[in-house]
Amino acid sequence: MTAEPAPSSPADDGQVTIVLDRKTVSVRRVPNETLLESARRAGLAPPFSCEAGNCGTCMGKLVEGKATMRVNDALDEDEVEEGYILTCQAVPDTDSISFTYDD
């Protein structure tokens, strides 16, 4: 008798795609991980400073998918509407997400 494999959750199948310095890298999505953390885990050296949502150094732009910023003290409403995010605070709301630092 063999055990049934556990069903995978949508987050297990998700993917984060990052564009930095014209290089595109994808990594598996990890629940509750910020996009900045995903970029670092992918071996990239993304721009960042405060990691508190205050300075805007880590700003990126969503290409595909949706994310929620835990804190946003740097971007104005128009920038958010255009798809800009603070990657140190942004957590994916969709299974797959793509964003760029090269905008």
PDB file of N, CA and C in Angstrom:
ATOM      1  N   MET A   1       0.848  -1.176   0.000  1.00  0.00           N
ATOM      2  CA  MET A   1       0.000   0.000   0.000  1.00  0.00           C
ATOM      3  C   MET A   1       0.894   1.241   0.000  1.00  0.00           C
ATOM      4  N   THR A   2       0.642   2.145  -0.928  1.00  0.00           N
ATOM      5  CA  THR A   2       1.430   3.371  -1.007  1.00  0.00           C
ATOM      6  C   THR A   2       0.573   4.551  -0.595  1.00  0.00           C
ATOM      7  N   ALA A   3       1.217   5.530  -0.024  1.00  0.00           N
ATOM      8  CA  ALA A   3       0.509   6.734   0.407  1.00  0.00           C
ATOM      9  C   ALA A   3       0.203   7.606  -0.801  1.00  0.00           C
ATOM     10  N   GLU A   4      -0.944   8.231  -0.758  1.00  0.00           N
ATOM     11  CA  GLU A   4      -1.310   9.173  -1.818  1.00  0.00           C
ATOM     12  C   GLU A   4      -0.472  10.438  -1.639  1.00  0.00           C
ATOM     13  N   PRO A   5       0.043  10.992  -2.734  1.00  0.00           N
ATOM     14  CA  PRO A   5       0.778  12.248  -2.590  1.00  0.00           C
ATOM     15  C   PRO A   5      -0.168  13.362  -2.157  1.00  0.00           C
ATOM     16  N   ALA A   6       0.355  14.252  -1.358  1.00  0.00           N
ATOM     17  CA  ALA A   6      -0.458  15.384  -0.907  1.00  0.00           C
ATOM     18  C   ALA A   6      -0.764  16.281  -2.095  1.00  0.00           C
ATOM     19  N   PRO A   7      -1.987  16.778  -2.184  1.00  0.00           N
ATOM     20  CA  PRO A   7      -2.298  17.677  -3.296  1.00  0.00           C
ATOM     21  C   PRO A   7      -1.483  18.953  -3.165  1.00  0.00           C
ATOM     22  N   SER A   8      -1.065  19.478  -4.287  1.00  0.00           N
ATOM     23  CA  SER A   8      -0.285  20.716  -4.232  1.00  0.00           C
ATOM     24  C   SER A   8      -1.235  21.894  -4.139  1.00  0.00           C
ATOM     25  N   SER A   9      -0.815  22.891  -3.416  1.00  0.00           N
ATOM     26  CA  SER A   9      -1.619  24.105  -3.334  1.00  0.00           C
ATOM     27  C   SER A   9      -1.233  24.991  -4.502  1.00  0.00           C
ATOM     28  N   PRO A  10      -2.089  25.952  -4.879  1.00  0.00           N
ATOM     29  CA  PRO A  10      -1.742  26.823  -5.998  1.00  0.00           C
ATOM     30  C   PRO A  10      -0.409  27.530  -5.798  1.00  0.00           C
ATOM     31  N   ALA A  11      -0.075  27.894  -4.549  1.00  0.00           N
ATOM     32  CA  ALA A  11       1.187  28.590  -4.299  1.00  0.00           C
ATOM     33  C   ALA A  11       2.384  27.711  -4.620  1.00  0.00           C
ATOM     34  N   ASP A  12       2.212  26.368  -4.487  1.00  0.00           N
ATOM     35  CA  ASP A  12       3.313  25.466  -4.791  1.00  0.00           C
ATOM     36  C   ASP A  12       3.649  25.476  -6.278  1.00  0.00           C
ATOM     37  N   ASP A  13       2.664  25.819  -7.100  1.00  0.00           N
ATOM     38  CA  ASP A  13       2.856  25.815  -8.541  1.00  0.00           C
ATOM     39  C   ASP A  13       3.151  27.208  -9.085  1.00  0.00           C
ATOM     40  N   GLY A  14       3.127  28.204  -8.234  1.00  0.00           N
ATOM     41  CA  GLY A  14       3.300  29.578  -8.678  1.00  0.00           C
ATOM     42  C   GLY A  14       4.733  29.897  -9.040  1.00  0.00           C
ATOM     43  N   GLN A  15       4.874  30.997  -9.743  1.00  0.00           N
ATOM     44  CA  GLN A  15       6.186  31.406 -10.220  1.00  0.00           C
ATOM     45  C   GLN A  15       6.312  32.921 -10.120  1.00  0.00           C
ATOM     46  N   VAL A  16       7.495  33.376  -9.767  1.00  0.00           N
ATOM     47  CA  VAL A  16       7.822  34.796  -9.742  1.00  0.00           C
ATOM     48  C   VAL A  16       8.869  35.021 -10.824  1.00  0.00           C
ATOM     49  N   THR A  17       8.566  35.918 -11.752  1.00  0.00           N
ATOM     50  CA  THR A  17       9.503  36.248 -12.826  1.00  0.00           C
ATOM     51  C   THR A  17       9.977  37.674 -12.617  1.00  0.00           C
ATOM     52  N   ILE A  18      11.296  37.845 -12.609  1.00  0.00           N
ATOM     53  CA  ILE A  18      11.925  39.125 -12.309  1.00  0.00           C
ATOM     54  C   ILE A  18      12.789  39.549 -13.488  1.00  0.00           C
ATOM     55  N   VAL A  19      12.686  40.829 -13.873  1.00  0.00           N
ATOM     56  CA  VAL A  19      13.561  41.392 -14.898  1.00  0.00           C
ATOM     57  C   VAL A  19      14.426  42.447 -14.218  1.00  0.00           C
ATOM     58  N   LEU A  20      15.737  42.268 -14.319  1.00  0.00           N
ATOM     59  CA  LEU A  20      16.693  43.212 -13.738  1.00  0.00           C
ATOM     60  C   LEU A  20      17.900  43.288 -14.653  1.00  0.00           C
ATOM     61  N   ASP A  21      18.273  44.498 -15.042  1.00  0.00           N
ATOM     62  CA  ASP A  21      19.411  44.714 -15.944  1.00  0.00           C
ATOM     63  C   ASP A  21      19.276  43.874 -17.213  1.00  0.00           C
ATOM     64  N   ARG A  22      18.071  43.880 -17.786  1.00  0.00           N
ATOM     65  CA  ARG A  22      17.742  43.166 -19.035  1.00  0.00           C
ATOM     66  C   ARG A  22      17.911  41.656 -18.918  1.00  0.00           C
ATOM     67  N   LYS A  23      17.991  41.135 -17.719  1.00  0.00           N
ATOM     68  CA  LYS A  23      18.089  39.698 -17.481  1.00  0.00           C
ATOM     69  C   LYS A  23      16.774  39.242 -16.844  1.00  0.00           C
ATOM     70  N   THR A  24      16.204  38.155 -17.365  1.00  0.00           N
ATOM     71  CA  THR A  24      14.949  37.618 -16.845  1.00  0.00           C
ATOM     72  C   THR A  24      15.218  36.307 -16.119  1.00  0.00           C
ATOM     73  N   VAL A  25      14.753  36.235 -14.872  1.00  0.00           N
ATOM     74  CA  VAL A  25      14.950  35.050 -14.038  1.00  0.00           C
ATOM     75  C   VAL A  25      13.607  34.694 -13.396  1.00  0.00           C
ATOM     76  N   SER A  26      13.311  33.404 -13.316  1.00  0.00           N
ATOM     77  CA  SER A  26      12.088  32.942 -12.655  1.00  0.00           C
ATOM     78  C   SER A  26      12.440  32.008 -11.506  1.00  0.00           C
ATOM     79  N   VAL A  27      11.683  32.133 -10.423  1.00  0.00           N
ATOM     80  CA  VAL A  27      11.833  31.251  -9.265  1.00  0.00           C
ATOM     81  C   VAL A  27      10.450  30.812  -8.807  1.00  0.00           C
ATOM     82  N   ARG A  28      10.421  29.726  -8.066  1.00  0.00           N
ATOM     83  CA  ARG A  28       9.171  29.236  -7.492  1.00  0.00           C
ATOM     84  C   ARG A  28       8.645  30.251  -6.486  1.00  0.00           C
ATOM     85  N   ARG A  29       7.347  30.448  -6.499  1.00  0.00           N
ATOM     86  CA  ARG A  29       6.725  31.364  -5.549  1.00  0.00           C
ATOM     87  C   ARG A  29       6.697  30.724  -4.168  1.00  0.00           C
ATOM     88  N   VAL A  30       7.062  31.490  -3.156  1.00  0.00           N
ATOM     89  CA  VAL A  30       7.010  31.052  -1.763  1.00  0.00           C
ATOM     90  C   VAL A  30       5.956  31.912  -1.058  1.00  0.00           C
ATOM     91  N   PRO A  31       4.962  31.293  -0.422  1.00  0.00           N
ATOM     92  CA  PRO A  31       3.913  32.066   0.245  1.00  0.00           C
ATOM     93  C   PRO A  31       4.487  33.080   1.242  1.00  0.00           C
ATOM     94  N   ASN A  32       3.914  34.278   1.233  1.00  0.00           N
ATOM     95  CA  ASN A  32       4.255  35.377   2.144  1.00  0.00           C
ATOM     96  C   ASN A  32       5.650  35.954   1.937  1.00  0.00           C
ATOM     97  N   GLU A  33       6.348  35.553   0.892  1.00  0.00           N
ATOM     98  CA  GLU A  33       7.665  36.113   0.596  1.00  0.00           C
ATOM     99  C   GLU A  33       7.477  37.372  -0.251  1.00  0.00           C
ATOM    100  N   THR A  34       8.193  38.442   0.105  1.00  0.00           N
ATOM    101  CA  THR A  34       8.102  39.657  -0.700  1.00  0.00           C
ATOM    102  C   THR A  34       8.813  39.450  -2.035  1.00  0.00           C
ATOM    103  N   LEU A  35       8.493  40.315  -2.977  1.00  0.00           N
ATOM    104  CA  LEU A  35       9.132  40.214  -4.287  1.00  0.00           C
ATOM    105  C   LEU A  35      10.627  40.513  -4.195  1.00  0.00           C
ATOM    106  N   LEU A  36      11.029  41.379  -3.283  1.00  0.00           N
ATOM    107  CA  LEU A  36      12.456  41.632  -3.069  1.00  0.00           C
ATOM    108  C   LEU A  36      13.153  40.364  -2.582  1.00  0.00           C
ATOM    109  N   GLU A  37      12.537  39.658  -1.646  1.00  0.00           N
ATOM    110  CA  GLU A  37      13.116  38.407  -1.147  1.00  0.00           C
ATOM    111  C   GLU A  37      13.208  37.367  -2.264  1.00  0.00           C
ATOM    112  N   SER A  38      12.198  37.317  -3.118  1.00  0.00           N
ATOM    113  CA  SER A  38      12.226  36.385  -4.256  1.00  0.00           C
ATOM    114  C   SER A  38      13.374  36.721  -5.198  1.00  0.00           C
ATOM    115  N   ALA A  39      13.580  38.008  -5.458  1.00  0.00           N
ATOM    116  CA  ALA A  39      14.664  38.428  -6.352  1.00  0.00           C
ATOM    117  C   ALA A  39      16.025  38.049  -5.775  1.00  0.00           C
ATOM    118  N   ARG A  40      16.204  38.245  -4.488  1.00  0.00           N
ATOM    119  CA  ARG A  40      17.466  37.855  -3.845  1.00  0.00           C
ATOM    120  C   ARG A  40      17.668  36.343  -3.908  1.00  0.00           C
ATOM    121  N   ARG A  41      16.592  35.595  -3.652  1.00  0.00           N
ATOM    122  CA  ARG A  41      16.676  34.132  -3.690  1.00  0.00           C
ATOM    123  C   ARG A  41      17.017  33.651  -5.097  1.00  0.00           C
ATOM    124  N   ALA A  42      16.639  34.428  -6.103  1.00  0.00           N
ATOM    125  CA  ALA A  42      16.945  34.088  -7.496  1.00  0.00           C
ATOM    126  C   ALA A  42      18.402  34.378  -7.842  1.00  0.00           C
ATOM    127  N   GLY A  43      19.149  34.946  -6.892  1.00  0.00           N
ATOM    128  CA  GLY A  43      20.559  35.234  -7.137  1.00  0.00           C
ATOM    129  C   GLY A  43      20.815  36.607  -7.723  1.00  0.00           C
ATOM    130  N   LEU A  44      19.781  37.442  -7.759  1.00  0.00           N
ATOM    131  CA  LEU A  44      19.933  38.793  -8.291  1.00  0.00           C
ATOM    132  C   LEU A  44      20.356  39.754  -7.186  1.00  0.00           C
ATOM    133  N   ALA A  45      20.829  40.916  -7.595  1.00  0.00           N
ATOM    134  CA  ALA A  45      21.205  41.966  -6.648  1.00  0.00           C
ATOM    135  C   ALA A  45      20.309  43.180  -6.904  1.00  0.00           C
ATOM    136  N   PRO A  46      19.047  43.100  -6.484  1.00  0.00           N
ATOM    137  CA  PRO A  46      18.112  44.191  -6.756  1.00  0.00           C
ATOM    138  C   PRO A  46      18.399  45.416  -5.896  1.00  0.00           C
ATOM    139  N   PRO A  47      17.952  46.584  -6.368  1.00  0.00           N
ATOM    140  CA  PRO A  47      18.143  47.800  -5.574  1.00  0.00           C
ATOM    141  C   PRO A  47      17.215  47.800  -4.356  1.00  0.00           C
ATOM    142  N   PHE A  48      17.737  48.224  -3.219  1.00  0.00           N
ATOM    143  CA  PHE A  48      16.921  48.371  -2.012  1.00  0.00           C
ATOM    144  C   PHE A  48      17.707  49.199  -1.011  1.00  0.00           C
ATOM    145  N   SER A  49      17.001  49.710  -0.003  1.00  0.00           N
ATOM    146  CA  SER A  49      17.663  50.460   1.050  1.00  0.00           C
ATOM    147  C   SER A  49      16.980  50.200   2.391  1.00  0.00           C
ATOM    148  N   CYS A  50      15.848  50.853   2.634  1.00  0.00           N
ATOM    149  CA  CYS A  50      15.246  50.810   3.971  1.00  0.00           C
ATOM    150  C   CYS A  50      14.514  49.506   4.302  1.00  0.00           C
ATOM    151  N   GLU A  51      13.979  48.836   3.315  1.00  0.00           N
ATOM    152  CA  GLU A  51      13.174  47.619   3.480  1.00  0.00           C
ATOM    153  C   GLU A  51      11.966  47.830   4.393  1.00  0.00           C
ATOM    154  N   ALA A  52      11.514  49.069   4.506  1.00  0.00           N
ATOM    155  CA  ALA A  52      10.369  49.391   5.355  1.00  0.00           C
ATOM    156  C   ALA A  52       9.235  50.062   4.581  1.00  0.00           C
ATOM    157  N   GLY A  53       9.403  50.229   3.270  1.00  0.00           N
ATOM    158  CA  GLY A  53       8.364  50.865   2.465  1.00  0.00           C
ATOM    159  C   GLY A  53       8.391  52.372   2.503  1.00  0.00           C
ATOM    160  N   ASN A  54       9.531  52.944   2.908  1.00  0.00           N
ATOM    161  CA  ASN A  54       9.622  54.393   3.068  1.00  0.00           C
ATOM    162  C   ASN A  54      10.382  55.127   1.971  1.00  0.00           C
ATOM    163  N   CYS A  55      11.392  54.494   1.369  1.00  0.00           N
ATOM    164  CA  CYS A  55      12.312  55.248   0.511  1.00  0.00           C
ATOM    165  C   CYS A  55      12.048  55.135  -0.990  1.00  0.00           C
ATOM    166  N   GLY A  56      11.504  54.039  -1.465  1.00  0.00           N
ATOM    167  CA  GLY A  56      11.241  53.864  -2.891  1.00  0.00           C
ATOM    168  C   GLY A  56      12.403  53.320  -3.696  1.00  0.00           C
ATOM    169  N   THR A  57      13.525  53.036  -3.067  1.00  0.00           N
ATOM    170  CA  THR A  57      14.695  52.522  -3.786  1.00  0.00           C
ATOM    171  C   THR A  57      14.402  51.199  -4.482  1.00  0.00           C
ATOM    172  N   CYS A  58      13.561  50.375  -3.901  1.00  0.00           N
ATOM    173  CA  CYS A  58      13.269  49.039  -4.434  1.00  0.00           C
ATOM    174  C   CYS A  58      12.115  49.036  -5.433  1.00  0.00           C
ATOM    175  N   MET A  59      11.691  50.191  -5.897  1.00  0.00           N
ATOM    176  CA  MET A  59      10.523  50.282  -6.765  1.00  0.00           C
ATOM    177  C   MET A  59      10.672  49.439  -8.025  1.00  0.00           C
ATOM    178  N   GLY A  60       9.627  48.710  -8.336  1.00  0.00           N
ATOM    179  CA  GLY A  60       9.545  47.936  -9.565  1.00  0.00           C
ATOM    180  C   GLY A  60       8.190  48.175 -10.188  1.00  0.00           C
ATOM    181  N   LYS A  61       7.952  47.534 -11.330  1.00  0.00           N
ATOM    182  CA  LYS A  61       6.663  47.685 -12.007  1.00  0.00           C
ATOM    183  C   LYS A  61       6.119  46.313 -12.362  1.00  0.00           C
ATOM    184  N   LEU A  62       4.864  46.074 -11.997  1.00  0.00           N
ATOM    185  CA  LEU A  62       4.212  44.813 -12.332  1.00  0.00           C
ATOM    186  C   LEU A  62       4.020  44.711 -13.835  1.00  0.00           C
ATOM    187  N   VAL A  63       4.328  43.539 -14.373  1.00  0.00           N
ATOM    188  CA  VAL A  63       4.112  43.251 -15.783  1.00  0.00           C
ATOM    189  C   VAL A  63       2.906  42.321 -15.913  1.00  0.00           C
ATOM    190  N   GLU A  64       2.790  41.398 -14.968  1.00  0.00           N
ATOM    191  CA  GLU A  64       1.698  40.423 -14.967  1.00  0.00           C
ATOM    192  C   GLU A  64       1.401  40.015 -13.536  1.00  0.00           C
ATOM    193  N   GLY A  65       0.133  39.812 -13.220  1.00  0.00           N
ATOM    194  CA  GLY A  65      -0.262  39.393 -11.887  1.00  0.00           C
ATOM    195  C   GLY A  65      -0.594  40.578 -10.998  1.00  0.00           C
ATOM    196  N   LYS A  66      -0.849  40.275  -9.734  1.00  0.00           N
ATOM    197  CA  LYS A  66      -1.211  41.297  -8.750  1.00  0.00           C
ATOM    198  C   LYS A  66      -0.442  41.058  -7.462  1.00  0.00           C
ATOM    199  N   ALA A  67      -0.223  42.151  -6.733  1.00  0.00           N
ATOM    200  CA  ALA A  67       0.478  42.076  -5.454  1.00  0.00           C
ATOM    201  C   ALA A  67      -0.119  43.095  -4.497  1.00  0.00           C
ATOM    202  N   THR A  68       0.044  42.834  -3.218  1.00  0.00           N
ATOM    203  CA  THR A  68      -0.380  43.762  -2.179  1.00  0.00           C
ATOM    204  C   THR A  68       0.856  44.247  -1.439  1.00  0.00           C
ATOM    205  N   MET A  69       0.937  45.564  -1.266  1.00  0.00           N
ATOM    206  CA  MET A  69       2.038  46.128  -0.488  1.00  0.00           C
ATOM    207  C   MET A  69       1.612  46.212   0.973  1.00  0.00           C
ATOM    208  N   ARG A  70       2.429  45.677   1.850  1.00  0.00           N
ATOM    209  CA  ARG A  70       2.135  45.717   3.287  1.00  0.00           C
ATOM    210  C   ARG A  70       2.174  47.152   3.795  1.00  0.00           C
ATOM    211  N   VAL A  71       3.155  47.921   3.311  1.00  0.00           N
ATOM    212  CA  VAL A  71       3.330  49.329   3.665  1.00  0.00           C
ATOM    213  C   VAL A  71       3.691  50.070   2.389  1.00  0.00           C
ATOM    214  N   ASN A  72       3.184  51.289   2.241  1.00  0.00           N
ATOM    215  CA  ASN A  72       3.565  52.128   1.109  1.00  0.00           C
ATOM    216  C   ASN A  72       3.609  53.572   1.562  1.00  0.00           C
ATOM    217  N   ASP A  73       4.785  54.030   1.914  1.00  0.00           N
ATOM    218  CA  ASP A  73       4.980  55.421   2.296  1.00  0.00           C
ATOM    219  C   ASP A  73       5.819  56.163   1.263  1.00  0.00           C
ATOM    220  N   ALA A  74       6.036  55.562   0.080  1.00  0.00           N
ATOM    221  CA  ALA A  74       6.920  56.168  -0.917  1.00  0.00           C
ATOM    222  C   ALA A  74       6.242  56.461  -2.253  1.00  0.00           C
ATOM    223  N   LEU A  75       5.270  55.663  -2.645  1.00  0.00           N
ATOM    224  CA  LEU A  75       4.636  55.836  -3.949  1.00  0.00           C
ATOM    225  C   LEU A  75       3.325  56.596  -3.807  1.00  0.00           C
ATOM    226  N   ASP A  76       3.044  57.463  -4.806  1.00  0.00           N
ATOM    227  CA  ASP A  76       1.751  58.141  -4.775  1.00  0.00           C
ATOM    228  C   ASP A  76       0.703  57.287  -5.485  1.00  0.00           C
ATOM    229  N   GLU A  77      -0.535  57.689  -5.368  1.00  0.00           N
ATOM    230  CA  GLU A  77      -1.657  56.917  -5.904  1.00  0.00           C
ATOM    231  C   GLU A  77      -1.530  56.688  -7.411  1.00  0.00           C
ATOM    232  N   ASP A  78      -1.084  57.709  -8.153  1.00  0.00           N
ATOM    233  CA  ASP A  78      -0.923  57.567  -9.604  1.00  0.00           C
ATOM    234  C   ASP A  78       0.108  56.496  -9.950  1.00  0.00           C
ATOM    235  N   GLU A  79       1.215  56.464  -9.225  1.00  0.00           N
ATOM    236  CA  GLU A  79       2.244  55.450  -9.481  1.00  0.00           C
ATOM    237  C   GLU A  79       1.703  54.043  -9.222  1.00  0.00           C
ATOM    238  N   VAL A  80       0.949  53.885  -8.153  1.00  0.00           N
ATOM    239  CA  VAL A  80       0.368  52.581  -7.829  1.00  0.00           C
ATOM    240  C   VAL A  80      -0.614  52.168  -8.923  1.00  0.00           C
ATOM    241  N   GLU A  81      -1.431  53.105  -9.393  1.00  0.00           N
ATOM    242  CA  GLU A  81      -2.390  52.812 -10.463  1.00  0.00           C
ATOM    243  C   GLU A  81      -1.683  52.409 -11.755  1.00  0.00           C
ATOM    244  N   GLU A  82      -0.475  52.926 -11.983  1.00  0.00           N
ATOM    245  CA  GLU A  82       0.306  52.585 -13.179  1.00  0.00           C
ATOM    246  C   GLU A  82       1.014  51.241 -13.032  1.00  0.00           C
ATOM    247  N   GLY A  83       0.923  50.625 -11.847  1.00  0.00           N
ATOM    248  CA  GLY A  83       1.511  49.304 -11.648  1.00  0.00           C
ATOM    249  C   GLY A  83       2.814  49.286 -10.884  1.00  0.00           C
ATOM    250  N   TYR A  84       3.257  50.440 -10.395  1.00  0.00           N
ATOM    251  CA  TYR A  84       4.502  50.473  -9.629  1.00  0.00           C
ATOM    252  C   TYR A  84       4.277  49.890  -8.234  1.00  0.00           C
ATOM    253  N   ILE A  85       5.297  49.224  -7.728  1.00  0.00           N
ATOM    254  CA  ILE A  85       5.237  48.574  -6.422  1.00  0.00           C
ATOM    255  C   ILE A  85       6.550  48.784  -5.678  1.00  0.00           C
ATOM    256  N   LEU A  86       6.483  48.687  -4.371  1.00  0.00           N
ATOM    257  CA  LEU A  86       7.686  48.634  -3.544  1.00  0.00           C
ATOM    258  C   LEU A  86       7.957  47.152  -3.332  1.00  0.00           C
ATOM    259  N   THR A  87       9.006  46.640  -3.950  1.00  0.00           N
ATOM    260  CA  THR A  87       9.237  45.193  -3.913  1.00  0.00           C
ATOM    261  C   THR A  87       9.565  44.686  -2.511  1.00  0.00           C
ATOM    262  N   CYS A  88      10.037  45.562  -1.635  1.00  0.00           N
ATOM    263  CA  CYS A  88      10.324  45.134  -0.260  1.00  0.00           C
ATOM    264  C   CYS A  88       9.050  44.892   0.537  1.00  0.00           C
ATOM    265  N   GLN A  89       7.934  45.392   0.032  1.00  0.00           N
ATOM    266  CA  GLN A  89       6.655  45.278   0.738  1.00  0.00           C
ATOM    267  C   GLN A  89       5.605  44.489  -0.036  1.00  0.00           C
ATOM    268  N   ALA A  90       5.855  44.239  -1.314  1.00  0.00           N
ATOM    269  CA  ALA A  90       4.864  43.602  -2.180  1.00  0.00           C
ATOM    270  C   ALA A  90       4.896  42.082  -2.058  1.00  0.00           C
ATOM    271  N   VAL A  91       3.731  41.513  -1.792  1.00  0.00           N
ATOM    272  CA  VAL A  91       3.547  40.064  -1.696  1.00  0.00           C
ATOM    273  C   VAL A  91       2.539  39.673  -2.781  1.00  0.00           C
ATOM    274  N   PRO A  92       2.848  38.659  -3.587  1.00  0.00           N
ATOM    275  CA  PRO A  92       1.945  38.278  -4.682  1.00  0.00           C
ATOM    276  C   PRO A  92       0.551  37.871  -4.199  1.00  0.00           C
ATOM    277  N   ASP A  93      -0.459  38.316  -4.951  1.00  0.00           N
ATOM    278  CA  ASP A  93      -1.846  37.902  -4.730  1.00  0.00           C
ATOM    279  C   ASP A  93      -2.265  36.846  -5.744  1.00  0.00           C
ATOM    280  N   THR A  94      -1.445  36.648  -6.764  1.00  0.00           N
ATOM    281  CA  THR A  94      -1.738  35.680  -7.815  1.00  0.00           C
ATOM    282  C   THR A  94      -0.664  34.601  -7.799  1.00  0.00           C
ATOM    283  N   ASP A  95      -1.009  33.428  -8.320  1.00  0.00           N
ATOM    284  CA  ASP A  95      -0.068  32.307  -8.304  1.00  0.00           C
ATOM    285  C   ASP A  95       1.213  32.629  -9.056  1.00  0.00           C
ATOM    286  N   SER A  96       1.073  33.290 -10.195  1.00  0.00           N
ATOM    287  CA  SER A  96       2.246  33.685 -10.971  1.00  0.00           C
ATOM    288  C   SER A  96       2.252  35.197 -11.098  1.00  0.00           C
ATOM    289  N   ILE A  97       3.442  35.750 -11.033  1.00  0.00           N
ATOM    290  CA  ILE A  97       3.591  37.201 -11.094  1.00  0.00           C
ATOM    291  C   ILE A  97       4.886  37.521 -11.818  1.00  0.00           C
ATOM    292  N   SER A  98       4.884  38.624 -12.531  1.00  0.00           N
ATOM    293  CA  SER A  98       6.075  39.075 -13.245  1.00  0.00           C
ATOM    294  C   SER A  98       6.231  40.567 -12.993  1.00  0.00           C
ATOM    295  N   PHE A  99       7.464  40.984 -12.711  1.00  0.00           N
ATOM    296  CA  PHE A  99       7.713  42.408 -12.502  1.00  0.00           C
ATOM    297  C   PHE A  99       9.104  42.764 -12.986  1.00  0.00           C
ATOM    298  N   THR A 100       9.311  44.060 -13.187  1.00  0.00           N
ATOM    299  CA  THR A 100      10.594  44.526 -13.692  1.00  0.00           C
ATOM    300  C   THR A 100      11.139  45.667 -12.843  1.00  0.00           C
ATOM    301  N   TYR A 101      12.437  45.672 -12.713  1.00  0.00           N
ATOM    302  CA  TYR A 101      13.137  46.814 -12.130  1.00  0.00           C
ATOM    303  C   TYR A 101      13.604  47.746 -13.250  1.00  0.00           C
ATOM    304  N   ASP A 102      13.543  47.269 -14.504  1.00  0.00           N
ATOM    305  CA  ASP A 102      14.077  47.991 -15.664  1.00  0.00           C
ATOM    306  C   ASP A 102      13.016  48.855 -16.334  1.00  0.00           C
ATOM    307  N   ASP A 103      12.467  49.808 -15.646  1.00  0.00           N
ATOM    308  CA  ASP A 103      11.451  50.644 -16.275  1.00  0.00           C
ATOM    309  C   ASP A 103      11.891  52.074 -16.285  1.00  0.00           C
TER     310      ASP A 103
END
